[in-house]
Amino acid sequence: QVQVVESGGGLVQAGGSLRLTCAASGRSFSNYVMAWFRQAPGKEREFVALITWSRGSTTYADSVKGRFTISRDNARNTVDLQMNSLEPEDTAVYYCAARPFSGSYRPQDYVYWGQGTQVTVSS
């Protein structure tokens, strides 16, 4: 059974940092792309960042470029999202997702999803 589980959310002041972790299990993800999305209240789910499991190639949304870093640990089967210089606009539920072979910015293209973890940035 495939499982994708996020952890690491919480409450932080503007300018602070948080590190989210996504643990994937139940199959080989070597040919998969792992991504982080987020969804704020009343808004659509939006792309944040992605990484290819095999090569570690990364892509970021413009809104987080230079502040967030996505990385993977093949040995632990985890994908991290380091978030620095957080802003109140980053407040959302953050989701980890996986899809085979190629990356996509569209949530509907992803096969496996975690339950999400809340990130709240106070001003």
C-alpha atoms as a PDB file:
ATOM      1  CA  GLN A   1       0.000   0.000   0.000  1.00  0.00           C
ATOM      2  CA  VAL A   2       1.470   3.342  -1.065  1.00  0.00           C
ATOM      3  CA  GLN A   3       1.703   5.947   1.644  1.00  0.00           C
ATOM      4  CA  VAL A   4       2.754   9.586   1.449  1.00  0.00           C
ATOM      5  CA  VAL A   5       2.950  11.286   4.839  1.00  0.00           C
ATOM      6  CA  GLU A   6       3.853  14.908   5.550  1.00  0.00           C
ATOM      7  CA  SER A   7       5.217  16.286   8.796  1.00  0.00           C
ATOM      8  CA  GLY A   8       6.853  19.420  10.136  1.00  0.00           C
ATOM      9  CA  GLY A   9       4.164  22.069   9.849  1.00  0.00           C
ATOM     10  CA  GLY A  10       3.426  24.572  12.561  1.00  0.00           C
ATOM     11  CA  LEU A  11       3.140  28.208  13.564  1.00  0.00           C
ATOM     12  CA  VAL A  12       6.007  30.589  12.860  1.00  0.00           C
ATOM     13  CA  GLN A  13       6.492  34.339  12.786  1.00  0.00           C
ATOM     14  CA  ALA A  14       7.108  36.192   9.538  1.00  0.00           C
ATOM     15  CA  GLY A  15      10.757  35.946   8.564  1.00  0.00           C
ATOM     16  CA  GLY A  16      11.127  32.578  10.269  1.00  0.00           C
ATOM     17  CA  SER A  17      11.826  29.110   8.897  1.00  0.00           C
ATOM     18  CA  LEU A  18      10.190  25.697   8.831  1.00  0.00           C
ATOM     19  CA  ARG A  19      11.223  22.366   7.360  1.00  0.00           C
ATOM     20  CA  LEU A  20       8.587  19.998   6.004  1.00  0.00           C
ATOM     21  CA  THR A  21       9.273  16.318   5.403  1.00  0.00           C
ATOM     22  CA  CYS A  22       7.446  13.914   3.112  1.00  0.00           C
ATOM     23  CA  ALA A  23       7.911  10.197   3.744  1.00  0.00           C
ATOM     24  CA  ALA A  24       6.990   7.921   0.844  1.00  0.00           C
ATOM     25  CA  SER A  25       6.589   4.149   1.136  1.00  0.00           C
ATOM     26  CA  GLY A  26       4.890   1.138  -0.411  1.00  0.00           C
ATOM     27  CA  ARG A  27       6.588   1.088  -3.808  1.00  0.00           C
ATOM     28  CA  SER A  28       9.720   2.155  -5.627  1.00  0.00           C
ATOM     29  CA  PHE A  29       9.717   5.865  -6.392  1.00  0.00           C
ATOM     30  CA  SER A  30      12.912   5.838  -8.423  1.00  0.00           C
ATOM     31  CA  ASN A  31      11.093   6.916 -11.615  1.00  0.00           C
ATOM     32  CA  TYR A  32       8.764   9.325  -9.868  1.00  0.00           C
ATOM     33  CA  VAL A  33       8.550  13.070  -9.489  1.00  0.00           C
ATOM     34  CA  MET A  34       7.796  14.356  -6.001  1.00  0.00           C
ATOM     35  CA  ALA A  35       6.125  17.707  -5.520  1.00  0.00           C
ATOM     36  CA  TRP A  36       4.853  20.061  -2.858  1.00  0.00           C
ATOM     37  CA  PHE A  37       1.582  21.905  -3.320  1.00  0.00           C
ATOM     38  CA  ARG A  38      -0.254  24.231  -0.980  1.00  0.00           C
ATOM     39  CA  GLN A  39      -3.807  25.359  -0.499  1.00  0.00           C
ATOM     40  CA  ALA A  40      -4.892  28.436   1.412  1.00  0.00           C
ATOM     41  CA  PRO A  41      -8.486  28.907   2.632  1.00  0.00           C
ATOM     42  CA  GLY A  42     -10.769  29.839  -0.244  1.00  0.00           C
ATOM     43  CA  LYS A  43      -8.058  29.348  -2.861  1.00  0.00           C
ATOM     44  CA  GLU A  44      -7.154  26.645  -5.327  1.00  0.00           C
ATOM     45  CA  ARG A  45      -4.350  24.220  -4.680  1.00  0.00           C
ATOM     46  CA  GLU A  46      -1.151  25.625  -6.157  1.00  0.00           C
ATOM     47  CA  PHE A  47       2.229  24.251  -7.135  1.00  0.00           C
ATOM     48  CA  VAL A  48       5.180  25.067  -4.875  1.00  0.00           C
ATOM     49  CA  ALA A  49       8.151  22.917  -5.930  1.00  0.00           C
ATOM     50  CA  LEU A  50       9.079  19.582  -7.425  1.00  0.00           C
ATOM     51  CA  ILE A  51      12.076  17.256  -7.600  1.00  0.00           C
ATOM     52  CA  THR A  52      12.849  14.249  -9.754  1.00  0.00           C
ATOM     53  CA  TRP A  53      13.753  11.292  -7.583  1.00  0.00           C
ATOM     54  CA  SER A  54      16.373   9.920  -9.957  1.00  0.00           C
ATOM     55  CA  ARG A  55      18.395  13.019 -10.829  1.00  0.00           C
ATOM     56  CA  GLY A  56      17.321  15.456  -8.174  1.00  0.00           C
ATOM     57  CA  SER A  57      16.343  18.106 -10.727  1.00  0.00           C
ATOM     58  CA  THR A  58      14.244  20.859  -9.159  1.00  0.00           C
ATOM     59  CA  THR A  59      11.629  23.419 -10.210  1.00  0.00           C
ATOM     60  CA  TYR A  60      10.052  26.162  -8.107  1.00  0.00           C
ATOM     61  CA  ALA A  61       7.075  28.441  -8.280  1.00  0.00           C
ATOM     62  CA  ASP A  62       8.116  32.064  -8.755  1.00  0.00           C
ATOM     63  CA  SER A  63       6.507  33.000  -5.440  1.00  0.00           C
ATOM     64  CA  VAL A  64       8.918  30.801  -3.455  1.00  0.00           C
ATOM     65  CA  LYS A  65      12.049  30.896  -5.597  1.00  0.00           C
ATOM     66  CA  GLY A  66      15.068  31.900  -3.536  1.00  0.00           C
ATOM     67  CA  ARG A  67      13.270  31.238  -0.246  1.00  0.00           C
ATOM     68  CA  PHE A  68      12.298  27.540  -0.421  1.00  0.00           C
ATOM     69  CA  THR A  69      14.531  24.563  -1.178  1.00  0.00           C
ATOM     70  CA  ILE A  70      13.327  21.075  -2.073  1.00  0.00           C
ATOM     71  CA  SER A  71      15.619  18.091  -1.577  1.00  0.00           C
ATOM     72  CA  ARG A  72      15.438  14.308  -1.391  1.00  0.00           C
ATOM     73  CA  ASP A  73      17.128  11.606   0.641  1.00  0.00           C
ATOM     74  CA  ASN A  74      17.154   8.379  -1.349  1.00  0.00           C
ATOM     75  CA  ALA A  75      18.256   6.258   1.593  1.00  0.00           C
ATOM     76  CA  ARG A  76      15.398   7.421   3.804  1.00  0.00           C
ATOM     77  CA  ASN A  77      12.855   7.769   0.957  1.00  0.00           C
ATOM     78  CA  THR A  78      12.010  11.273   2.078  1.00  0.00           C
ATOM     79  CA  VAL A  79      11.589  14.640   0.387  1.00  0.00           C
ATOM     80  CA  ASP A  80      12.115  17.823   2.380  1.00  0.00           C
ATOM     81  CA  LEU A  81      10.952  21.373   1.815  1.00  0.00           C
ATOM     82  CA  GLN A  82      13.099  23.937   3.632  1.00  0.00           C
ATOM     83  CA  MET A  83      11.157  27.179   3.894  1.00  0.00           C
ATOM     84  CA  ASN A  84      13.016  30.354   4.840  1.00  0.00           C
ATOM     85  CA  SER A  85      11.966  33.998   5.040  1.00  0.00           C
ATOM     86  CA  LEU A  86       8.382  32.933   5.498  1.00  0.00           C
ATOM     87  CA  GLU A  87       5.624  35.444   4.812  1.00  0.00           C
ATOM     88  CA  PRO A  88       1.991  35.525   5.970  1.00  0.00           C
ATOM     89  CA  GLU A  89       1.057  34.773   2.347  1.00  0.00           C
ATOM     90  CA  ASP A  90       2.729  31.362   2.736  1.00  0.00           C
ATOM     91  CA  THR A  91       0.049  30.312   5.208  1.00  0.00           C
ATOM     92  CA  ALA A  92      -1.643  27.200   3.821  1.00  0.00           C
ATOM     93  CA  VAL A  93      -2.011  23.464   4.105  1.00  0.00           C
ATOM     94  CA  TYR A  94       1.023  21.953   2.395  1.00  0.00           C
ATOM     95  CA  TYR A  95       0.667  18.666   0.527  1.00  0.00           C
ATOM     96  CA  CYS A  96       3.221  16.219  -0.796  1.00  0.00           C
ATOM     97  CA  ALA A  97       2.370  14.419  -4.032  1.00  0.00           C
ATOM     98  CA  ALA A  98       3.915  11.917  -6.453  1.00  0.00           C
ATOM     99  CA  ARG A  99       3.523  11.101 -10.121  1.00  0.00           C
ATOM    100  CA  PRO A 100       5.514   8.872 -12.476  1.00  0.00           C
ATOM    101  CA  PHE A 101       8.161   9.977 -14.957  1.00  0.00           C
ATOM    102  CA  SER A 102       7.658  13.692 -15.665  1.00  0.00           C
ATOM    103  CA  GLY A 103       6.944  16.770 -13.633  1.00  0.00           C
ATOM    104  CA  SER A 104       3.758  18.821 -13.772  1.00  0.00           C
ATOM    105  CA  TYR A 105       2.405  21.985 -12.187  1.00  0.00           C
ATOM    106  CA  ARG A 106      -1.157  20.622 -12.211  1.00  0.00           C
ATOM    107  CA  PRO A 107      -2.467  18.905  -9.063  1.00  0.00           C
ATOM    108  CA  GLN A 108      -4.761  16.662 -11.124  1.00  0.00           C
ATOM    109  CA  ASP A 109      -1.724  15.036 -12.736  1.00  0.00           C
ATOM    110  CA  TYR A 110      -0.486  13.579  -9.458  1.00  0.00           C
ATOM    111  CA  VAL A 111      -1.357  10.048  -8.419  1.00  0.00           C
ATOM    112  CA  TYR A 112      -0.443   9.854  -4.741  1.00  0.00           C
ATOM    113  CA  TRP A 113      -1.167  12.476  -2.101  1.00  0.00           C
ATOM    114  CA  GLY A 114      -0.521  12.959   1.560  1.00  0.00           C
ATOM    115  CA  GLN A 115      -3.038  14.282   4.066  1.00  0.00           C
ATOM    116  CA  GLY A 116      -1.364  17.666   4.327  1.00  0.00           C
ATOM    117  CA  THR A 117       0.307  19.646   7.090  1.00  0.00           C
ATOM    118  CA  GLN A 118      -0.709  23.121   8.241  1.00  0.00           C
ATOM    119  CA  VAL A 119       1.755  25.996   7.996  1.00  0.00           C
ATOM    120  CA  THR A 120       0.726  29.270   9.621  1.00  0.00           C
ATOM    121  CA  VAL A 121       2.867  32.396   9.375  1.00  0.00           C
ATOM    122  CA  SER A 122       1.942  35.233  11.703  1.00  0.00           C
ATOM    123  CA  SER A 123       2.718  38.867  10.904  1.00  0.00           C
END
